[in-house]
Amino acid sequence: MELQNGVTKWSYKMELQNGVTKWSYKMELQNGVAKWNCKMDLQNGVAKWSYKKELQKGVAKWNCKMELQNGVTKRRFKNEH
């Protein structure tokens, strides 16, 4: 779904190629309001997961990244007010 003129963009995409799952979600409310996107990649049994959310105008910035490789979980979390 897309409303042009810098208003709203919404997209969802999922791909399964050669047993590799790619999953992405993106939502944008323009005019400096909000940006939200999520991406998940599963490749060779390795999960990569990232989440980012921004509420502009000095309100909040939030992003999280998680990677699971060889049974090892790596996670980063950041929250800014």
Protein backbone atom coordinates (compact mmCIF):
# COMPACT_ATOMS: atom_id res chain seq x y z
CA MET A 1 0.00 0.00 0.00
CA GLU A 2 1.38 3.35 -0.98
CA LEU A 3 -0.08 6.80 -0.57
CA GLN A 4 2.24 9.09 -2.44
CA ASN A 5 3.05 12.75 -1.87
CA GLY A 6 5.25 11.74 1.05
CA VAL A 7 2.35 10.52 3.14
CA THR A 8 2.45 6.80 3.81
CA LYS A 9 4.36 3.82 2.48
CA TRP A 10 3.60 0.30 3.61
CA SER A 11 5.25 -2.80 2.21
CA TYR A 12 5.52 -6.45 3.09
CA LYS A 13 7.81 -8.88 1.37
CA MET A 14 8.59 -12.52 1.94
CA GLU A 15 10.91 -14.60 -0.22
CA LEU A 16 11.80 -18.25 -0.01
CA GLN A 17 14.74 -19.07 -2.25
CA ASN A 18 16.71 -22.32 -2.12
CA GLY A 19 15.43 -22.96 1.38
CA VAL A 20 16.38 -19.41 2.39
CA THR A 21 13.63 -17.33 3.92
CA LYS A 22 13.78 -13.57 3.62
CA TRP A 23 11.17 -11.54 5.39
CA SER A 24 10.90 -7.78 5.46
CA TYR A 25 8.33 -5.31 6.67
CA LYS A 26 8.48 -1.58 6.22
CA MET A 27 6.14 1.18 7.21
CA GLU A 28 6.79 4.89 6.80
CA LEU A 29 4.74 7.85 7.89
CA GLN A 30 6.47 10.77 6.30
CA ASN A 31 6.59 14.45 7.26
CA GLY A 32 9.02 13.55 10.06
CA VAL A 33 6.45 11.54 11.94
CA ALA A 34 7.44 7.90 12.10
CA LYS A 35 9.56 5.28 10.37
CA TRP A 36 9.14 1.62 11.17
CA ASN A 37 10.87 -1.29 9.50
CA CYS A 38 11.49 -4.90 10.31
CA LYS A 39 13.73 -7.36 8.53
CA MET A 40 14.34 -11.02 9.16
CA ASP A 41 16.74 -13.25 7.24
CA LEU A 42 17.12 -16.96 7.76
CA GLN A 43 20.08 -18.29 5.80
CA ASN A 44 21.77 -21.65 6.24
CA GLY A 45 20.12 -22.09 9.63
CA VAL A 46 21.42 -18.65 10.67
CA ALA A 47 18.77 -16.19 11.75
CA LYS A 48 19.37 -12.50 11.39
CA TRP A 49 16.70 -10.26 12.82
CA SER A 50 16.62 -6.49 12.97
CA TYR A 51 13.99 -4.08 14.13
CA LYS A 52 14.10 -0.32 13.93
CA LYS A 53 11.52 2.18 15.00
CA GLU A 54 11.85 5.93 14.91
CA LEU A 55 9.44 8.50 16.25
CA GLN A 56 10.84 11.78 15.06
CA LYS A 57 10.71 15.29 16.51
CA GLY A 58 12.83 14.32 19.51
CA VAL A 59 10.36 11.78 20.79
CA ALA A 60 11.97 8.37 20.65
CA LYS A 61 14.42 6.27 18.70
CA TRP A 62 14.32 2.53 19.17
CA ASN A 63 16.24 -0.17 17.39
CA CYS A 64 16.98 -3.78 18.12
CA LYS A 65 19.19 -6.27 16.33
CA MET A 66 19.37 -9.95 17.03
CA GLU A 67 21.57 -12.53 15.35
CA LEU A 68 21.51 -16.24 15.98
CA GLN A 69 24.58 -17.96 14.57
CA ASN A 70 25.66 -21.51 15.36
CA GLY A 71 23.41 -21.57 18.41
CA VAL A 72 24.89 -18.28 19.64
CA THR A 73 22.46 -15.44 20.19
CA LYS A 74 23.69 -11.91 19.70
CA ARG A 75 21.35 -9.13 20.64
CA ARG A 76 21.68 -5.37 20.62
CA PHE A 77 19.08 -3.05 22.02
CA LYS A 78 19.10 0.71 21.93
CA ASN A 79 16.47 3.09 23.17
CA GLU A 80 16.81 6.86 22.99
CA HIS A 81 14.44 9.42 24.37
